[in-house]
Amino acid sequence: MDMLKFEPIAGHYDGTAIASATTLTPPDGAYKLIIQALEQNVRITLDGTTPTASKGFQLKAGDPPVMIWVAGSTLKVIEEAATADIQYQWGK
């Protein structure tokens, strides 16, 4: 499987509520995720643990989108501060 290729599956997501830890569930066949933080930094975990404002991988607001291999992962996301927003797209 080529990490440099990305074939979108399902729609582009925007406006997901992340004030509390939220699980992002991939559609069938998806094993990659492109995600970007907007307005405020966000934190993500890939092992099903609950992220907090200081625990988890940090996605900085305004940084370019990143692609994450999520096969077999349970991805959870939370905002570091109010008004955080994420945009994301599942793919293969």
PDB file of N, CA and C in Angstrom:
ATOM      1  N   MET A   1       0.837  -1.176   0.000  1.00  0.00           N
ATOM      2  CA  MET A   1       0.000   0.000   0.000  1.00  0.00           C
ATOM      3  C   MET A   1       0.881   1.237   0.000  1.00  0.00           C
ATOM      4  N   ASP A   2       0.564   2.170  -0.816  1.00  0.00           N
ATOM      5  CA  ASP A   2       1.380   3.356  -1.022  1.00  0.00           C
ATOM      6  C   ASP A   2       0.893   4.513  -0.156  1.00  0.00           C
ATOM      7  N   MET A   3       1.748   4.976   0.758  1.00  0.00           N
ATOM      8  CA  MET A   3       1.368   6.099   1.617  1.00  0.00           C
ATOM      9  C   MET A   3       1.312   7.423   0.862  1.00  0.00           C
ATOM     10  N   LEU A   4       1.898   7.496  -0.311  1.00  0.00           N
ATOM     11  CA  LEU A   4       1.890   8.753  -1.039  1.00  0.00           C
ATOM     12  C   LEU A   4       0.615   8.961  -1.849  1.00  0.00           C
ATOM     13  N   LYS A   5      -0.132   7.898  -2.047  1.00  0.00           N
ATOM     14  CA  LYS A   5      -1.387   8.017  -2.793  1.00  0.00           C
ATOM     15  C   LYS A   5      -2.531   8.169  -1.815  1.00  0.00           C
ATOM     16  N   PHE A   6      -3.572   8.871  -2.247  1.00  0.00           N
ATOM     17  CA  PHE A   6      -4.754   9.068  -1.409  1.00  0.00           C
ATOM     18  C   PHE A   6      -5.979   9.082  -2.295  1.00  0.00           C
ATOM     19  N   GLU A   7      -6.858   8.137  -2.070  1.00  0.00           N
ATOM     20  CA  GLU A   7      -8.124   8.069  -2.794  1.00  0.00           C
ATOM     21  C   GLU A   7      -9.247   8.347  -1.795  1.00  0.00           C
ATOM     22  N   PRO A   8      -9.928   9.490  -1.910  1.00  0.00           N
ATOM     23  CA  PRO A   8     -10.970   9.838  -0.942  1.00  0.00           C
ATOM     24  C   PRO A   8     -12.099   8.807  -0.892  1.00  0.00           C
ATOM     25  N   ILE A   9     -12.587   8.597   0.323  1.00  0.00           N
ATOM     26  CA  ILE A   9     -13.763   7.771   0.566  1.00  0.00           C
ATOM     27  C   ILE A   9     -14.726   8.624   1.387  1.00  0.00           C
ATOM     28  N   ALA A  10     -15.978   8.643   1.012  1.00  0.00           N
ATOM     29  CA  ALA A  10     -17.011   9.423   1.710  1.00  0.00           C
ATOM     30  C   ALA A  10     -16.755  10.920   1.538  1.00  0.00           C
ATOM     31  N   GLY A  11     -17.459  11.734   2.304  1.00  0.00           N
ATOM     32  CA  GLY A  11     -17.400  13.181   2.138  1.00  0.00           C
ATOM     33  C   GLY A  11     -16.294  13.845   2.929  1.00  0.00           C
ATOM     34  N   HIS A  12     -16.141  15.138   2.690  1.00  0.00           N
ATOM     35  CA  HIS A  12     -15.201  15.989   3.420  1.00  0.00           C
ATOM     36  C   HIS A  12     -15.934  16.481   4.666  1.00  0.00           C
ATOM     37  N   TYR A  13     -15.316  16.304   5.824  1.00  0.00           N
ATOM     38  CA  TYR A  13     -15.968  16.674   7.076  1.00  0.00           C
ATOM     39  C   TYR A  13     -15.449  18.000   7.594  1.00  0.00           C
ATOM     40  N   ASP A  14     -16.369  18.812   8.114  1.00  0.00           N
ATOM     41  CA  ASP A  14     -16.056  20.111   8.690  1.00  0.00           C
ATOM     42  C   ASP A  14     -17.063  20.374   9.806  1.00  0.00           C
ATOM     43  N   GLY A  15     -16.638  21.067  10.824  1.00  0.00           N
ATOM     44  CA  GLY A  15     -17.564  21.455  11.881  1.00  0.00           C
ATOM     45  C   GLY A  15     -17.859  20.365  12.896  1.00  0.00           C
ATOM     46  N   THR A  16     -16.983  19.379  13.010  1.00  0.00           N
ATOM     47  CA  THR A  16     -17.165  18.314  13.985  1.00  0.00           C
ATOM     48  C   THR A  16     -16.968  18.867  15.397  1.00  0.00           C
ATOM     49  N   ALA A  17     -17.909  18.591  16.296  1.00  0.00           N
ATOM     50  CA  ALA A  17     -17.804  19.054  17.678  1.00  0.00           C
ATOM     51  C   ALA A  17     -16.685  18.291  18.381  1.00  0.00           C
ATOM     52  N   ILE A  18     -15.697  19.020  18.891  1.00  0.00           N
ATOM     53  CA  ILE A  18     -14.557  18.380  19.549  1.00  0.00           C
ATOM     54  C   ILE A  18     -14.262  19.025  20.902  1.00  0.00           C
ATOM     55  N   ALA A  19     -15.281  19.636  21.537  1.00  0.00           N
ATOM     56  CA  ALA A  19     -15.090  20.218  22.863  1.00  0.00           C
ATOM     57  C   ALA A  19     -14.793  19.129  23.887  1.00  0.00           C
ATOM     58  N   SER A  20     -15.320  17.934  23.666  1.00  0.00           N
ATOM     59  CA  SER A  20     -14.965  16.774  24.475  1.00  0.00           C
ATOM     60  C   SER A  20     -14.373  15.742  23.519  1.00  0.00           C
ATOM     61  N   ALA A  21     -13.674  14.768  24.072  1.00  0.00           N
ATOM     62  CA  ALA A  21     -13.017  13.766  23.230  1.00  0.00           C
ATOM     63  C   ALA A  21     -14.034  13.086  22.316  1.00  0.00           C
ATOM     64  N   THR A  22     -13.731  13.070  21.037  1.00  0.00           N
ATOM     65  CA  THR A  22     -14.618  12.531  20.012  1.00  0.00           C
ATOM     66  C   THR A  22     -13.882  11.480  19.203  1.00  0.00           C
ATOM     67  N   THR A  23     -14.535  10.348  18.986  1.00  0.00           N
ATOM     68  CA  THR A  23     -13.958   9.286  18.169  1.00  0.00           C
ATOM     69  C   THR A  23     -14.305   9.539  16.707  1.00  0.00           C
ATOM     70  N   LEU A  24     -13.306   9.511  15.850  1.00  0.00           N
ATOM     71  CA  LEU A  24     -13.521   9.625  14.412  1.00  0.00           C
ATOM     72  C   LEU A  24     -13.536   8.209  13.856  1.00  0.00           C
ATOM     73  N   THR A  25     -14.670   7.800  13.313  1.00  0.00           N
ATOM     74  CA  THR A  25     -14.850   6.429  12.847  1.00  0.00           C
ATOM     75  C   THR A  25     -14.746   6.365  11.334  1.00  0.00           C
ATOM     76  N   PRO A  26     -13.796   5.602  10.821  1.00  0.00           N
ATOM     77  CA  PRO A  26     -13.626   5.527   9.367  1.00  0.00           C
ATOM     78  C   PRO A  26     -14.751   4.736   8.712  1.00  0.00           C
ATOM     79  N   PRO A  27     -15.126   5.122   7.494  1.00  0.00           N
ATOM     80  CA  PRO A  27     -16.078   4.311   6.739  1.00  0.00           C
ATOM     81  C   PRO A  27     -15.400   3.019   6.275  1.00  0.00           C
ATOM     82  N   ASP A  28     -16.178   2.050   5.860  1.00  0.00           N
ATOM     83  CA  ASP A  28     -15.622   0.788   5.365  1.00  0.00           C
ATOM     84  C   ASP A  28     -14.599   1.048   4.264  1.00  0.00           C
ATOM     85  N   GLY A  29     -13.470   0.381   4.365  1.00  0.00           N
ATOM     86  CA  GLY A  29     -12.436   0.477   3.342  1.00  0.00           C
ATOM     87  C   GLY A  29     -11.418   1.575   3.560  1.00  0.00           C
ATOM     88  N   ALA A  30     -11.659   2.481   4.509  1.00  0.00           N
ATOM     89  CA  ALA A  30     -10.724   3.585   4.752  1.00  0.00           C
ATOM     90  C   ALA A  30      -9.625   3.149   5.702  1.00  0.00           C
ATOM     91  N   TYR A  31      -8.382   3.494   5.366  1.00  0.00           N
ATOM     92  CA  TYR A  31      -7.268   3.217   6.263  1.00  0.00           C
ATOM     93  C   TYR A  31      -6.281   4.383   6.312  1.00  0.00           C
ATOM     94  N   LYS A  32      -6.668   5.507   5.713  1.00  0.00           N
ATOM     95  CA  LYS A  32      -5.872   6.732   5.784  1.00  0.00           C
ATOM     96  C   LYS A  32      -6.805   7.883   6.152  1.00  0.00           C
ATOM     97  N   LEU A  33      -6.231   8.915   6.744  1.00  0.00           N
ATOM     98  CA  LEU A  33      -6.984  10.108   7.117  1.00  0.00           C
ATOM     99  C   LEU A  33      -6.133  11.330   6.818  1.00  0.00           C
ATOM    100  N   ILE A  34      -6.713  12.293   6.149  1.00  0.00           N
ATOM    101  CA  ILE A  34      -6.083  13.605   6.015  1.00  0.00           C
ATOM    102  C   ILE A  34      -6.840  14.520   6.968  1.00  0.00           C
ATOM    103  N   ILE A  35      -6.101  15.202   7.839  1.00  0.00           N
ATOM    104  CA  ILE A  35      -6.720  16.038   8.869  1.00  0.00           C
ATOM    105  C   ILE A  35      -5.944  17.339   9.029  1.00  0.00           C
ATOM    106  N   GLN A  36      -6.675  18.404   9.362  1.00  0.00           N
ATOM    107  CA  GLN A  36      -6.063  19.707   9.582  1.00  0.00           C
ATOM    108  C   GLN A  36      -6.800  20.407  10.712  1.00  0.00           C
ATOM    109  N   ALA A  37      -6.037  21.050  11.602  1.00  0.00           N
ATOM    110  CA  ALA A  37      -6.604  21.849  12.694  1.00  0.00           C
ATOM    111  C   ALA A  37      -6.740  23.297  12.237  1.00  0.00           C
ATOM    112  N   LEU A  38      -7.872  23.895  12.561  1.00  0.00           N
ATOM    113  CA  LEU A  38      -8.126  25.298  12.235  1.00  0.00           C
ATOM    114  C   LEU A  38      -8.480  26.063  13.517  1.00  0.00           C
ATOM    115  N   GLU A  39      -8.169  27.311  13.582  1.00  0.00           N
ATOM    116  CA  GLU A  39      -8.515  28.222  14.684  1.00  0.00           C
ATOM    117  C   GLU A  39      -7.720  27.975  15.970  1.00  0.00           C
ATOM    118  N   GLN A  40      -7.694  26.736  16.473  1.00  0.00           N
ATOM    119  CA  GLN A  40      -6.979  26.386  17.705  1.00  0.00           C
ATOM    120  C   GLN A  40      -6.292  25.033  17.494  1.00  0.00           C
ATOM    121  N   ASN A  41      -5.278  24.750  18.297  1.00  0.00           N
ATOM    122  CA  ASN A  41      -4.615  23.452  18.245  1.00  0.00           C
ATOM    123  C   ASN A  41      -5.552  22.354  18.731  1.00  0.00           C
ATOM    124  N   VAL A  42      -5.331  21.138  18.245  1.00  0.00           N
ATOM    125  CA  VAL A  42      -6.092  19.976  18.711  1.00  0.00           C
ATOM    126  C   VAL A  42      -5.118  18.866  19.080  1.00  0.00           C
ATOM    127  N   ARG A  43      -5.605  17.885  19.818  1.00  0.00           N
ATOM    128  CA  ARG A  43      -4.812  16.718  20.213  1.00  0.00           C
ATOM    129  C   ARG A  43      -5.514  15.466  19.711  1.00  0.00           C
ATOM    130  N   ILE A  44      -4.712  14.495  19.255  1.00  0.00           N
ATOM    131  CA  ILE A  44      -5.271  13.223  18.797  1.00  0.00           C
ATOM    132  C   ILE A  44      -4.524  12.060  19.435  1.00  0.00           C
ATOM    133  N   THR A  45      -5.244  10.976  19.649  1.00  0.00           N
ATOM    134  CA  THR A  45      -4.633   9.718  20.061  1.00  0.00           C
ATOM    135  C   THR A  45      -5.060   8.665  19.048  1.00  0.00           C
ATOM    136  N   LEU A  46      -4.234   7.649  18.891  1.00  0.00           N
ATOM    137  CA  LEU A  46      -4.491   6.601  17.904  1.00  0.00           C
ATOM    138  C   LEU A  46      -4.750   5.237  18.536  1.00  0.00           C
ATOM    139  N   ASP A  47      -4.638   5.151  19.848  1.00  0.00           N
ATOM    140  CA  ASP A  47      -4.770   3.858  20.522  1.00  0.00           C
ATOM    141  C   ASP A  47      -6.048   3.723  21.333  1.00  0.00           C
ATOM    142  N   GLY A  48      -6.978   4.635  21.142  1.00  0.00           N
ATOM    143  CA  GLY A  48      -8.253   4.558  21.850  1.00  0.00           C
ATOM    144  C   GLY A  48      -8.267   5.259  23.191  1.00  0.00           C
ATOM    145  N   THR A  49      -7.089   5.704  23.684  1.00  0.00           N
ATOM    146  CA  THR A  49      -7.089   6.449  24.938  1.00  0.00           C
ATOM    147  C   THR A  49      -7.694   7.824  24.706  1.00  0.00           C
ATOM    148  N   THR A  50      -8.160   8.418  25.775  1.00  0.00           N
ATOM    149  CA  THR A  50      -8.824   9.714  25.672  1.00  0.00           C
ATOM    150  C   THR A  50      -7.802  10.836  25.673  1.00  0.00           C
ATOM    151  N   PRO A  51      -7.774  11.654  24.614  1.00  0.00           N
ATOM    152  CA  PRO A  51      -6.859  12.793  24.599  1.00  0.00           C
ATOM    153  C   PRO A  51      -7.371  13.892  25.532  1.00  0.00           C
ATOM    154  N   THR A  52      -6.457  14.757  25.943  1.00  0.00           N
ATOM    155  CA  THR A  52      -6.823  15.931  26.725  1.00  0.00           C
ATOM    156  C   THR A  52      -6.163  17.139  26.068  1.00  0.00           C
ATOM    157  N   ALA A  53      -6.333  18.296  26.667  1.00  0.00           N
ATOM    158  CA  ALA A  53      -5.722  19.509  26.119  1.00  0.00           C
ATOM    159  C   ALA A  53      -4.195  19.462  26.180  1.00  0.00           C
ATOM    160  N   SER A  54      -3.643  18.492  26.927  1.00  0.00           N
ATOM    161  CA  SER A  54      -2.184  18.379  26.999  1.00  0.00           C
ATOM    162  C   SER A  54      -1.670  16.968  26.697  1.00  0.00           C
ATOM    163  N   LYS A  55      -2.549  16.025  26.392  1.00  0.00           N
ATOM    164  CA  LYS A  55      -2.153  14.643  26.119  1.00  0.00           C
ATOM    165  C   LYS A  55      -2.587  14.238  24.722  1.00  0.00           C
ATOM    166  N   GLY A  56      -1.679  13.685  23.965  1.00  0.00           N
ATOM    167  CA  GLY A  56      -1.959  13.256  22.600  1.00  0.00           C
ATOM    168  C   GLY A  56      -1.050  13.997  21.632  1.00  0.00           C
ATOM    169  N   PHE A  57      -1.020  13.517  20.400  1.00  0.00           N
ATOM    170  CA  PHE A  57      -0.238  14.208  19.374  1.00  0.00           C
ATOM    171  C   PHE A  57      -0.906  15.541  19.076  1.00  0.00           C
ATOM    172  N   GLN A  58      -0.112  16.586  18.966  1.00  0.00           N
ATOM    173  CA  GLN A  58      -0.646  17.929  18.739  1.00  0.00           C
ATOM    174  C   GLN A  58      -0.674  18.258  17.249  1.00  0.00           C
ATOM    175  N   LEU A  59      -1.832  18.708  16.797  1.00  0.00           N
ATOM    176  CA  LEU A  59      -1.959  19.281  15.456  1.00  0.00           C
ATOM    177  C   LEU A  59      -2.110  20.785  15.654  1.00  0.00           C
ATOM    178  N   LYS A  60      -1.179  21.539  15.111  1.00  0.00           N
ATOM    179  CA  LYS A  60      -1.198  22.995  15.302  1.00  0.00           C
ATOM    180  C   LYS A  60      -2.116  23.666  14.290  1.00  0.00           C
ATOM    181  N   ALA A  61      -2.893  24.588  14.786  1.00  0.00           N
ATOM    182  CA  ALA A  61      -3.813  25.336  13.936  1.00  0.00           C
ATOM    183  C   ALA A  61      -3.039  26.040  12.828  1.00  0.00           C
ATOM    184  N   GLY A  62      -3.539  25.912  11.616  1.00  0.00           N
ATOM    185  CA  GLY A  62      -2.931  26.584  10.486  1.00  0.00           C
ATOM    186  C   GLY A  62      -1.828  25.814   9.797  1.00  0.00           C
ATOM    187  N   ASP A  63      -1.335  24.725  10.416  1.00  0.00           N
ATOM    188  CA  ASP A  63      -0.344  23.898   9.730  1.00  0.00           C
ATOM    189  C   ASP A  63      -1.012  23.202   8.548  1.00  0.00           C
ATOM    190  N   PRO A  64      -0.254  22.805   7.564  1.00  0.00           N
ATOM    191  CA  PRO A  64      -0.836  22.085   6.424  1.00  0.00           C
ATOM    192  C   PRO A  64      -1.482  20.775   6.895  1.00  0.00           C
ATOM    193  N   PRO A  65      -2.417  20.249   6.122  1.00  0.00           N
ATOM    194  CA  PRO A  65      -3.027  18.958   6.473  1.00  0.00           C
ATOM    195  C   PRO A  65      -1.961  17.868   6.549  1.00  0.00           C
ATOM    196  N   VAL A  66      -2.202  16.885   7.418  1.00  0.00           N
ATOM    197  CA  VAL A  66      -1.321  15.734   7.539  1.00  0.00           C
ATOM    198  C   VAL A  66      -2.102  14.478   7.187  1.00  0.00           C
ATOM    199  N   MET A  67      -1.388  13.499   6.633  1.00  0.00           N
ATOM    200  CA  MET A  67      -2.013  12.214   6.337  1.00  0.00           C
ATOM    201  C   MET A  67      -1.547  11.215   7.383  1.00  0.00           C
ATOM    202  N   ILE A  68      -2.504  10.490   7.958  1.00  0.00           N
ATOM    203  CA  ILE A  68      -2.217   9.521   9.008  1.00  0.00           C
ATOM    204  C   ILE A  68      -2.711   8.156   8.559  1.00  0.00           C
ATOM    205  N   TRP A  69      -1.864   7.153   8.733  1.00  0.00           N
ATOM    206  CA  TRP A  69      -2.249   5.765   8.490  1.00  0.00           C
ATOM    207  C   TRP A  69      -3.029   5.329   9.722  1.00  0.00           C
ATOM    208  N   VAL A  70      -4.284   4.941   9.565  1.00  0.00           N
ATOM    209  CA  VAL A  70      -5.132   4.637  10.719  1.00  0.00           C
ATOM    210  C   VAL A  70      -5.632   3.199  10.748  1.00  0.00           C
ATOM    211  N   ALA A  71      -5.114   2.338   9.886  1.00  0.00           N
ATOM    212  CA  ALA A  71      -5.561   0.938   9.862  1.00  0.00           C
ATOM    213  C   ALA A  71      -5.394   0.316  11.239  1.00  0.00           C
ATOM    214  N   GLY A  72      -6.474  -0.187  11.797  1.00  0.00           N
ATOM    215  CA  GLY A  72      -6.441  -0.830  13.099  1.00  0.00           C
ATOM    216  C   GLY A  72      -6.380   0.124  14.279  1.00  0.00           C
ATOM    217  N   SER A  73      -6.435   1.415  14.035  1.00  0.00           N
ATOM    218  CA  SER A  73      -6.364   2.415  15.103  1.00  0.00           C
ATOM    219  C   SER A  73      -7.753   2.879  15.511  1.00  0.00           C
ATOM    220  N   THR A  74      -7.839   3.364  16.738  1.00  0.00           N
ATOM    221  CA  THR A  74      -9.047   4.055  17.192  1.00  0.00           C
ATOM    222  C   THR A  74      -8.640   5.494  17.434  1.00  0.00           C
ATOM    223  N   LEU A  75      -9.016   6.378  16.521  1.00  0.00           N
ATOM    224  CA  LEU A  75      -8.580   7.763  16.556  1.00  0.00           C
ATOM    225  C   LEU A  75      -9.569   8.611  17.337  1.00  0.00           C
ATOM    226  N   LYS A  76      -9.054   9.326  18.339  1.00  0.00           N
ATOM    227  CA  LYS A  76      -9.867  10.256  19.121  1.00  0.00           C
ATOM    228  C   LYS A  76      -9.235  11.631  19.045  1.00  0.00           C
ATOM    229  N   VAL A  77     -10.066  12.668  19.080  1.00  0.00           N
ATOM    230  CA  VAL A  77      -9.592  14.042  18.936  1.00  0.00           C
ATOM    231  C   VAL A  77     -10.304  14.944  19.944  1.00  0.00           C
ATOM    232  N   ILE A  78      -9.593  15.979  20.394  1.00  0.00           N
ATOM    233  CA  ILE A  78     -10.168  16.975  21.299  1.00  0.00           C
ATOM    234  C   ILE A  78      -9.486  18.317  21.034  1.00  0.00           C
ATOM    235  N   GLU A  79     -10.198  19.388  21.300  1.00  0.00           N
ATOM    236  CA  GLU A  79      -9.606  20.710  21.149  1.00  0.00           C
ATOM    237  C   GLU A  79      -8.749  21.055  22.363  1.00  0.00           C
ATOM    238  N   GLU A  80      -7.704  21.865  22.141  1.00  0.00           N
ATOM    239  CA  GLU A  80      -6.900  22.370  23.253  1.00  0.00           C
ATOM    240  C   GLU A  80      -7.578  23.581  23.877  1.00  0.00           C
ATOM    241  N   ALA A  81      -8.286  24.336  23.063  1.00  0.00           N
ATOM    242  CA  ALA A  81      -8.985  25.538  23.531  1.00  0.00           C
ATOM    243  C   ALA A  81     -10.271  25.696  22.719  1.00  0.00           C
ATOM    244  N   ALA A  82     -11.213  26.418  23.283  1.00  0.00           N
ATOM    245  CA  ALA A  82     -12.509  26.623  22.631  1.00  0.00           C
ATOM    246  C   ALA A  82     -12.334  27.209  21.232  1.00  0.00           C
ATOM    247  N   THR A  83     -13.243  26.903  20.374  1.00  0.00           N
ATOM    248  CA  THR A  83     -13.358  27.338  18.975  1.00  0.00           C
ATOM    249  C   THR A  83     -12.469  26.568  18.017  1.00  0.00           C
ATOM    250  N   ALA A  84     -11.810  25.496  18.496  1.00  0.00           N
ATOM    251  CA  ALA A  84     -11.016  24.685  17.576  1.00  0.00           C
ATOM    252  C   ALA A  84     -11.942  24.030  16.561  1.00  0.00           C
ATOM    253  N   ASP A  85     -11.433  23.807  15.386  1.00  0.00           N
ATOM    254  CA  ASP A  85     -12.194  23.178  14.306  1.00  0.00           C
ATOM    255  C   ASP A  85     -11.231  22.268  13.554  1.00  0.00           C
ATOM    256  N   ILE A  86     -11.758  21.184  13.045  1.00  0.00           N
ATOM    257  CA  ILE A  86     -10.947  20.302  12.204  1.00  0.00           C
ATOM    258  C   ILE A  86     -11.659  20.088  10.882  1.00  0.00           C
ATOM    259  N   GLN A  87     -10.865  19.866   9.868  1.00  0.00           N
ATOM    260  CA  GLN A  87     -11.353  19.431   8.571  1.00  0.00           C
ATOM    261  C   GLN A  87     -10.667  18.100   8.333  1.00  0.00           C
ATOM    262  N   TYR A  88     -11.429  17.112   7.830  1.00  0.00           N
ATOM    263  CA  TYR A  88     -10.796  15.828   7.561  1.00  0.00           C
ATOM    264  C   TYR A  88     -11.502  15.061   6.462  1.00  0.00           C
ATOM    265  N   GLN A  89     -10.764  14.121   5.898  1.00  0.00           N
ATOM    266  CA  GLN A  89     -11.261  13.292   4.789  1.00  0.00           C
ATOM    267  C   GLN A  89     -10.662  11.907   4.962  1.00  0.00           C
ATOM    268  N   TRP A  90     -11.510  10.882   4.927  1.00  0.00           N
ATOM    269  CA  TRP A  90     -11.049   9.491   4.957  1.00  0.00           C
ATOM    270  C   TRP A  90     -10.653   9.047   3.563  1.00  0.00           C
ATOM    271  N   GLY A  91      -9.735   8.104   3.495  1.00  0.00           N
ATOM    272  CA  GLY A  91      -9.312   7.619   2.194  1.00  0.00           C
ATOM    273  C   GLY A  91      -8.637   6.269   2.283  1.00  0.00           C
ATOM    274  N   LYS A  92      -8.184   5.836   1.107  1.00  0.00           N
ATOM    275  CA  LYS A  92      -7.424   4.582   1.033  1.00  0.00           C
ATOM    276  C   LYS A  92      -6.265   4.778   0.089  1.00  0.00           C
TER     277      LYS A  92
END
